[in-house]
N, C-alpha and C. Protein backbone atom coordinates (compact mmCIF):
# COMPACT_ATOMS: atom_id res chain seq x y z
N MET A 1 16.04 160.88 114.98
CA MET A 1 15.87 159.68 115.77
C MET A 1 16.09 158.44 114.90
N LYS A 2 15.54 158.48 113.65
CA LYS A 2 15.70 157.32 112.77
C LYS A 2 17.18 157.09 112.45
N LEU A 3 17.89 158.17 112.24
CA LEU A 3 19.30 158.04 111.95
C LEU A 3 20.06 157.44 113.13
N HIS A 4 19.66 157.81 114.31
CA HIS A 4 20.30 157.28 115.52
C HIS A 4 20.05 155.77 115.63
N VAL A 5 18.83 155.30 115.35
CA VAL A 5 18.49 153.87 115.41
C VAL A 5 19.25 153.10 114.34
N ILE A 6 19.27 153.65 113.13
CA ILE A 6 19.99 152.98 112.02
C ILE A 6 21.48 152.91 112.34
N GLY A 7 22.05 153.96 112.87
CA GLY A 7 23.46 153.98 113.26
C GLY A 7 23.76 152.95 114.33
N THR A 8 22.86 152.83 115.30
CA THR A 8 23.05 151.85 116.37
C THR A 8 22.99 150.42 115.83
N ILE A 9 22.03 150.15 114.98
CA ILE A 9 21.91 148.80 114.37
C ILE A 9 23.16 148.49 113.56
N PHE A 10 23.64 149.45 112.79
CA PHE A 10 24.84 149.26 111.99
C PHE A 10 26.06 148.97 112.87
N THR A 11 26.19 149.71 113.96
CA THR A 11 27.31 149.51 114.89
C THR A 11 27.25 148.13 115.53
N VAL A 12 26.07 147.71 115.95
CA VAL A 12 25.91 146.38 116.57
C VAL A 12 26.28 145.29 115.55
N ALA A 13 25.86 145.45 114.30
CA ALA A 13 26.18 144.47 113.26
C ALA A 13 27.69 144.36 113.04
N LEU A 14 28.37 145.50 113.03
CA LEU A 14 29.83 145.49 112.88
C LEU A 14 30.52 144.80 114.04
N VAL A 15 30.03 145.02 115.26
CA VAL A 15 30.63 144.39 116.43
C VAL A 15 30.49 142.88 116.35
N PHE A 16 29.30 142.39 115.99
CA PHE A 16 29.09 140.94 115.86
C PHE A 16 29.96 140.36 114.77
N ALA A 17 30.07 141.04 113.65
CA ALA A 17 30.89 140.54 112.54
C ALA A 17 32.36 140.46 112.94
N SER A 18 32.85 141.47 113.65
CA SER A 18 34.26 141.43 114.04
C SER A 18 34.52 140.36 115.09
N CYS A 19 33.56 140.10 115.96
CA CYS A 19 33.72 139.03 116.96
C CYS A 19 33.82 137.68 116.28
N LYS A 20 32.99 137.46 115.26
CA LYS A 20 33.04 136.18 114.54
C LYS A 20 34.38 136.00 113.86
N ASN A 21 34.91 137.06 113.23
CA ASN A 21 36.20 136.96 112.56
C ASN A 21 37.32 136.69 113.55
N GLU A 22 37.26 137.31 114.72
CA GLU A 22 38.28 137.08 115.75
C GLU A 22 38.25 135.63 116.22
N GLN A 23 37.05 135.07 116.41
CA GLN A 23 36.93 133.68 116.83
C GLN A 23 37.48 132.75 115.76
N LYS A 24 37.16 133.03 114.49
CA LYS A 24 37.65 132.21 113.38
C LYS A 24 39.17 132.27 113.31
N ASP A 25 39.75 133.48 113.41
CA ASP A 25 41.20 133.64 113.36
C ASP A 25 41.86 132.89 114.51
N ALA A 26 41.29 132.95 115.70
CA ALA A 26 41.86 132.25 116.85
C ALA A 26 41.80 130.74 116.64
N ALA A 27 40.70 130.25 116.10
CA ALA A 27 40.58 128.80 115.84
C ALA A 27 41.60 128.35 114.80
N GLU A 28 41.80 129.16 113.75
CA GLU A 28 42.79 128.81 112.73
C GLU A 28 44.19 128.80 113.32
N GLN A 29 44.51 129.74 114.20
CA GLN A 29 45.83 129.77 114.83
C GLN A 29 46.05 128.53 115.66
N ILE A 30 45.04 128.09 116.39
CA ILE A 30 45.18 126.89 117.22
C ILE A 30 45.45 125.69 116.33
N ASN A 31 44.68 125.53 115.26
CA ASN A 31 44.83 124.37 114.40
C ASN A 31 46.17 124.35 113.68
N THR A 32 46.67 125.50 113.25
CA THR A 32 47.92 125.50 112.50
C THR A 32 49.15 125.59 113.39
N SER A 33 49.00 126.13 114.59
CA SER A 33 50.16 126.28 115.45
C SER A 33 50.46 125.01 116.22
N ASN A 34 49.49 124.14 116.38
CA ASN A 34 49.70 122.90 117.13
C ASN A 34 49.97 121.77 116.13
N PRO A 35 51.20 121.26 116.07
CA PRO A 35 51.52 120.21 115.10
C PRO A 35 50.64 118.97 115.24
N ALA A 36 50.24 118.64 116.44
CA ALA A 36 49.39 117.47 116.64
C ALA A 36 48.04 117.67 115.96
N ASN A 37 47.47 118.87 116.10
CA ASN A 37 46.19 119.15 115.43
C ASN A 37 46.36 119.12 113.93
N HIS A 38 47.44 119.70 113.43
CA HIS A 38 47.69 119.75 111.99
C HIS A 38 47.86 118.33 111.44
N THR A 39 48.63 117.49 112.12
CA THR A 39 48.85 116.12 111.68
C THR A 39 47.54 115.34 111.66
N ALA A 40 46.72 115.50 112.70
CA ALA A 40 45.44 114.81 112.75
C ALA A 40 44.55 115.27 111.60
N TYR A 41 44.58 116.56 111.30
CA TYR A 41 43.76 117.07 110.20
C TYR A 41 44.23 116.49 108.87
N VAL A 42 45.52 116.49 108.63
CA VAL A 42 46.07 115.97 107.38
C VAL A 42 45.72 114.49 107.23
N GLN A 43 45.87 113.72 108.31
CA GLN A 43 45.57 112.30 108.23
C GLN A 43 44.08 112.06 108.00
N ALA A 44 43.23 112.88 108.58
CA ALA A 44 41.79 112.71 108.42
C ALA A 44 41.33 113.06 107.01
N THR A 45 42.01 114.01 106.37
CA THR A 45 41.59 114.44 105.04
C THR A 45 42.35 113.72 103.93
N LYS A 46 43.43 113.06 104.25
CA LYS A 46 44.23 112.34 103.26
C LYS A 46 43.55 111.01 102.93
N PRO A 47 43.43 110.67 101.63
CA PRO A 47 42.83 109.38 101.31
C PRO A 47 43.68 108.25 101.85
N SER A 48 43.05 107.20 102.31
CA SER A 48 43.81 106.10 102.88
C SER A 48 44.55 105.34 101.78
N THR A 49 45.72 104.87 102.09
CA THR A 49 46.53 104.13 101.14
C THR A 49 46.12 102.67 101.19
N PRO A 50 45.81 102.08 100.04
CA PRO A 50 45.42 100.66 100.04
C PRO A 50 46.54 99.79 100.59
N GLY A 51 46.18 98.71 101.25
CA GLY A 51 47.16 97.79 101.84
C GLY A 51 47.98 97.04 100.81
N TRP A 52 47.53 97.04 99.57
CA TRP A 52 48.27 96.30 98.55
C TRP A 52 49.37 97.12 97.89
N ILE A 53 49.52 98.38 98.24
CA ILE A 53 50.63 99.19 97.72
C ILE A 53 51.93 98.64 98.30
N GLY A 54 52.94 98.42 97.45
CA GLY A 54 54.22 97.92 97.93
C GLY A 54 54.98 97.16 96.87
N ALA A 55 55.96 96.36 97.32
CA ALA A 55 56.84 95.61 96.43
C ALA A 55 56.49 94.12 96.48
N TYR A 56 56.56 93.48 95.32
CA TYR A 56 56.22 92.06 95.17
C TYR A 56 57.31 91.37 94.37
N THR A 57 57.49 90.09 94.62
CA THR A 57 58.49 89.33 93.88
C THR A 57 58.07 87.87 93.77
N GLY A 58 58.58 87.22 92.73
CA GLY A 58 58.30 85.80 92.52
C GLY A 58 58.95 85.32 91.23
N THR A 59 58.87 84.02 91.00
CA THR A 59 59.35 83.43 89.75
C THR A 59 58.15 82.84 89.05
N THR A 60 57.88 83.35 87.85
CA THR A 60 56.71 82.92 87.10
C THR A 60 57.13 82.04 85.93
N PRO A 61 56.22 81.18 85.46
CA PRO A 61 56.54 80.29 84.33
C PRO A 61 56.74 81.06 83.03
N CYS A 62 57.50 80.45 82.14
CA CYS A 62 57.68 80.97 80.78
C CYS A 62 57.91 79.77 79.85
N PRO A 63 57.68 79.95 78.55
CA PRO A 63 57.81 78.84 77.61
C PRO A 63 59.24 78.29 77.55
N GLU A 64 59.37 76.99 77.25
CA GLU A 64 60.68 76.34 77.08
C GLU A 64 61.49 77.12 76.05
N PRO A 65 62.76 77.19 76.16
CA PRO A 65 63.67 76.58 77.12
C PRO A 65 63.85 77.40 78.38
N CYS A 66 63.05 78.44 78.55
CA CYS A 66 63.15 79.29 79.73
C CYS A 66 62.85 78.48 80.99
N LYS A 67 63.60 78.74 82.05
CA LYS A 67 63.43 78.01 83.31
C LYS A 67 62.56 78.79 84.30
N GLY A 68 62.06 79.92 83.89
CA GLY A 68 61.23 80.77 84.74
C GLY A 68 61.65 82.21 84.60
N GLU A 69 60.77 83.10 84.98
CA GLU A 69 61.08 84.52 84.92
C GLU A 69 61.07 85.09 86.33
N LYS A 70 62.21 85.65 86.71
CA LYS A 70 62.29 86.35 87.99
C LYS A 70 61.54 87.66 87.79
N THR A 71 60.45 87.84 88.54
CA THR A 71 59.57 88.99 88.36
C THR A 71 59.50 89.79 89.65
N GLU A 72 59.73 91.09 89.53
CA GLU A 72 59.62 92.00 90.66
C GLU A 72 58.72 93.15 90.23
N MET A 73 57.80 93.51 91.11
CA MET A 73 56.87 94.60 90.78
C MET A 73 56.69 95.48 92.00
N THR A 74 56.75 96.78 91.78
CA THR A 74 56.47 97.75 92.83
C THR A 74 55.30 98.60 92.36
N VAL A 75 54.24 98.65 93.19
CA VAL A 75 53.10 99.53 92.90
C VAL A 75 53.08 100.63 93.95
N ASN A 76 52.93 101.84 93.49
CA ASN A 76 53.01 103.02 94.35
C ASN A 76 51.64 103.66 94.54
N ALA A 77 51.49 104.39 95.62
CA ALA A 77 50.22 105.04 95.96
C ALA A 77 49.81 106.09 94.92
N ASP A 78 50.76 106.59 94.14
CA ASP A 78 50.43 107.60 93.13
C ASP A 78 50.08 106.98 91.78
N SER A 79 49.73 105.68 91.79
CA SER A 79 49.31 104.92 90.60
C SER A 79 50.44 104.74 89.59
N THR A 80 51.68 104.68 90.06
CA THR A 80 52.81 104.36 89.20
C THR A 80 53.33 102.98 89.60
N TYR A 81 54.08 102.38 88.70
CA TYR A 81 54.64 101.05 88.96
C TYR A 81 56.02 100.94 88.32
N THR A 82 56.76 99.93 88.78
CA THR A 82 57.99 99.50 88.13
C THR A 82 57.92 97.98 88.08
N LEU A 83 58.09 97.42 86.90
CA LEU A 83 58.06 95.98 86.69
C LEU A 83 59.40 95.55 86.12
N SER A 84 60.00 94.55 86.75
CA SER A 84 61.29 94.01 86.31
C SER A 84 61.11 92.52 86.03
N VAL A 85 61.48 92.10 84.81
CA VAL A 85 61.32 90.69 84.42
C VAL A 85 62.63 90.21 83.80
N GLN A 86 63.13 89.06 84.29
CA GLN A 86 64.37 88.50 83.77
C GLN A 86 64.21 87.00 83.57
N ALA A 87 64.39 86.55 82.33
CA ALA A 87 64.33 85.12 82.03
C ALA A 87 65.56 84.45 82.61
N ILE A 88 65.35 83.51 83.53
CA ILE A 88 66.45 82.84 84.23
C ILE A 88 67.27 82.01 83.24
N GLY A 89 68.58 82.24 83.23
CA GLY A 89 69.48 81.50 82.36
C GLY A 89 69.50 82.00 80.93
N GLN A 90 68.70 82.99 80.60
CA GLN A 90 68.67 83.48 79.21
C GLN A 90 68.99 84.96 79.09
N GLU A 91 68.70 85.73 80.11
CA GLU A 91 68.95 87.17 80.05
C GLU A 91 69.91 87.56 81.16
N GLU A 92 70.92 88.35 80.79
CA GLU A 92 71.89 88.81 81.79
C GLU A 92 71.32 89.91 82.66
N LYS A 93 70.51 90.77 82.05
CA LYS A 93 69.92 91.88 82.80
C LYS A 93 68.40 91.82 82.65
N PRO A 94 67.69 92.27 83.67
CA PRO A 94 66.23 92.26 83.58
C PRO A 94 65.71 93.33 82.62
N ARG A 95 64.54 93.06 82.07
CA ARG A 95 63.81 94.07 81.31
C ARG A 95 62.99 94.85 82.32
N VAL A 96 63.12 96.17 82.29
CA VAL A 96 62.45 97.01 83.29
C VAL A 96 61.44 97.92 82.58
N PHE A 97 60.22 97.91 83.12
CA PHE A 97 59.14 98.72 82.59
C PHE A 97 58.60 99.59 83.72
N SER A 98 58.22 100.80 83.38
CA SER A 98 57.61 101.65 84.40
C SER A 98 56.58 102.55 83.73
N GLY A 99 55.63 102.97 84.54
CA GLY A 99 54.57 103.82 84.02
C GLY A 99 53.47 103.93 85.05
N THR A 100 52.25 104.01 84.56
CA THR A 100 51.09 104.14 85.44
C THR A 100 50.21 102.90 85.33
N PHE A 101 49.38 102.71 86.35
CA PHE A 101 48.42 101.60 86.32
C PHE A 101 47.05 102.11 86.69
N HIS A 102 46.06 101.30 86.35
CA HIS A 102 44.68 101.58 86.72
C HIS A 102 44.20 100.44 87.62
N PHE A 103 43.53 100.79 88.72
CA PHE A 103 42.99 99.77 89.62
C PHE A 103 41.49 99.70 89.43
N ASP A 104 40.99 98.51 89.05
CA ASP A 104 39.56 98.26 88.91
C ASP A 104 39.09 97.63 90.22
N ALA A 105 38.45 98.43 91.06
CA ALA A 105 38.02 97.96 92.38
C ALA A 105 36.96 96.87 92.28
N ALA A 106 36.12 96.91 91.25
CA ALA A 106 35.07 95.91 91.09
C ALA A 106 35.65 94.52 90.83
N LYS A 107 36.73 94.47 90.05
CA LYS A 107 37.36 93.19 89.73
C LYS A 107 38.58 92.92 90.59
N ASN A 108 39.02 93.95 91.34
CA ASN A 108 40.22 93.83 92.17
C ASN A 108 41.45 93.54 91.31
N VAL A 109 41.56 94.28 90.21
CA VAL A 109 42.62 94.03 89.23
C VAL A 109 43.36 95.31 88.90
N ILE A 110 44.68 95.20 88.84
CA ILE A 110 45.57 96.28 88.40
C ILE A 110 45.87 96.04 86.93
N THR A 111 45.73 97.08 86.10
CA THR A 111 46.10 96.98 84.69
C THR A 111 47.19 98.00 84.42
N LEU A 112 48.32 97.52 83.91
CA LEU A 112 49.43 98.40 83.58
C LEU A 112 49.15 99.14 82.28
N ASP A 113 49.83 100.26 82.09
CA ASP A 113 49.67 101.04 80.87
C ASP A 113 50.40 100.36 79.71
N ALA A 114 50.49 101.04 78.58
CA ALA A 114 51.14 100.48 77.39
C ALA A 114 52.61 100.14 77.64
N ASN A 115 53.31 100.91 78.49
CA ASN A 115 54.71 100.60 78.81
C ASN A 115 54.84 99.20 79.40
N GLY A 116 53.85 98.79 80.17
CA GLY A 116 53.82 97.47 80.78
C GLY A 116 53.01 96.47 79.98
N ASP A 117 52.79 96.80 78.72
CA ASP A 117 52.09 95.93 77.76
C ASP A 117 50.70 95.52 78.26
N HIS A 118 50.08 96.39 79.04
CA HIS A 118 48.71 96.19 79.55
C HIS A 118 48.56 94.91 80.37
N HIS A 119 49.66 94.48 81.00
CA HIS A 119 49.58 93.30 81.87
C HIS A 119 48.57 93.55 82.99
N LYS A 120 47.95 92.48 83.44
CA LYS A 120 46.96 92.57 84.51
C LYS A 120 47.39 91.70 85.68
N PHE A 121 47.10 92.18 86.89
CA PHE A 121 47.41 91.46 88.11
C PHE A 121 46.21 91.52 89.04
N GLU A 122 45.80 90.38 89.54
CA GLU A 122 44.72 90.33 90.51
C GLU A 122 45.31 90.61 91.89
N VAL A 123 44.71 91.54 92.61
CA VAL A 123 45.17 91.86 93.96
C VAL A 123 44.61 90.83 94.92
N GLN A 124 45.50 90.14 95.62
CA GLN A 124 45.13 89.15 96.63
C GLN A 124 45.71 89.58 97.97
N LYS A 125 45.42 88.84 99.01
CA LYS A 125 45.97 89.17 100.32
C LYS A 125 47.48 88.96 100.29
N ASP A 126 48.23 90.04 100.44
CA ASP A 126 49.70 90.02 100.45
C ASP A 126 50.30 89.41 99.20
N ALA A 127 49.60 89.53 98.06
CA ALA A 127 50.12 88.97 96.81
C ALA A 127 49.44 89.61 95.61
N LEU A 128 50.11 89.49 94.47
CA LEU A 128 49.54 89.85 93.17
C LEU A 128 49.61 88.61 92.31
N LYS A 129 48.52 88.27 91.64
CA LYS A 129 48.51 87.11 90.74
C LYS A 129 48.45 87.60 89.31
N GLU A 130 49.46 87.19 88.53
CA GLU A 130 49.51 87.62 87.14
C GLU A 130 48.39 86.95 86.35
N LEU A 131 47.69 87.76 85.54
CA LEU A 131 46.61 87.27 84.69
C LEU A 131 47.00 87.47 83.23
N ASP A 132 46.21 86.90 82.31
CA ASP A 132 46.47 87.19 80.90
C ASP A 132 45.91 88.58 80.57
N LYS A 133 46.09 89.02 79.35
CA LYS A 133 45.69 90.38 78.97
C LYS A 133 44.19 90.60 78.99
N PHE A 134 43.42 89.52 79.06
CA PHE A 134 41.96 89.64 79.12
C PHE A 134 41.46 89.61 80.56
N GLY A 135 42.37 89.42 81.51
CA GLY A 135 41.99 89.36 82.91
C GLY A 135 41.63 87.96 83.38
N ASP A 136 41.96 86.96 82.56
CA ASP A 136 41.68 85.56 82.90
C ASP A 136 42.95 84.91 83.45
N PRO A 137 42.81 83.78 84.16
CA PRO A 137 44.00 83.08 84.66
C PRO A 137 44.90 82.64 83.50
N LYS A 138 46.21 82.70 83.73
CA LYS A 138 47.18 82.25 82.72
C LYS A 138 47.04 80.74 82.54
N GLN A 139 47.37 80.24 81.35
CA GLN A 139 47.18 78.83 81.03
C GLN A 139 48.46 77.99 81.11
N LEU A 140 49.61 78.62 81.15
CA LEU A 140 50.88 77.89 81.18
C LEU A 140 51.27 77.63 82.64
N GLY A 141 51.26 76.40 83.08
CA GLY A 141 51.67 76.07 84.44
C GLY A 141 50.54 76.16 85.45
N ARG A 142 50.90 75.94 86.71
CA ARG A 142 49.92 75.98 87.80
C ARG A 142 49.61 77.42 88.17
N GLN A 143 48.39 77.67 88.61
CA GLN A 143 47.97 79.02 88.95
C GLN A 143 48.82 79.62 90.08
N GLU A 144 49.18 78.83 91.05
CA GLU A 144 49.99 79.34 92.17
C GLU A 144 51.38 79.78 91.73
N ASP A 145 51.81 79.34 90.54
CA ASP A 145 53.12 79.75 90.03
C ASP A 145 53.12 81.18 89.49
N TYR A 146 51.95 81.78 89.36
CA TYR A 146 51.86 83.15 88.85
C TYR A 146 51.68 84.18 89.96
N VAL A 147 51.89 83.76 91.19
CA VAL A 147 51.69 84.65 92.32
C VAL A 147 52.99 85.32 92.72
N LEU A 148 52.93 86.66 92.84
CA LEU A 148 54.06 87.43 93.35
C LEU A 148 53.73 87.78 94.78
N LYS A 149 54.64 87.47 95.70
CA LYS A 149 54.39 87.71 97.12
C LYS A 149 54.89 89.08 97.55
N LYS A 150 54.13 89.68 98.44
CA LYS A 150 54.50 91.00 98.95
C LYS A 150 55.73 90.89 99.84
N GLN A 151 56.63 91.85 99.68
CA GLN A 151 57.88 91.86 100.46
C GLN A 151 57.75 92.69 101.69
């Protein structure tokens, strides 16, 4: 009799376990077979891309006899950048730097790696403002002249 009871309990446990696995398998099939469900899942689990990711351009001041530096910067969601700087009237081709950057959310500042000579940019609404290497405002020219506008 005891063996019969133990056998019955074991059989019931197996039935419940297989039902749970069937439900799980069916749920997984629904989620992966429906592209809309899959897209919603990916978007919900994907970290949001900051609004400041993108391309920026502007002309920034430089010491005499330079008439300004045409500056273009692209910051990517994967923490990489490309910076292009060309002294107007002095350089035929721009100097191009690329590498990685670090974003300090507390200060709202992007710091480029050694390839970008550790330049810093303050993230503003639809703009990046070039700072000195200490994260302070640049001293040459007006502050608004150091702003790169988002394209």
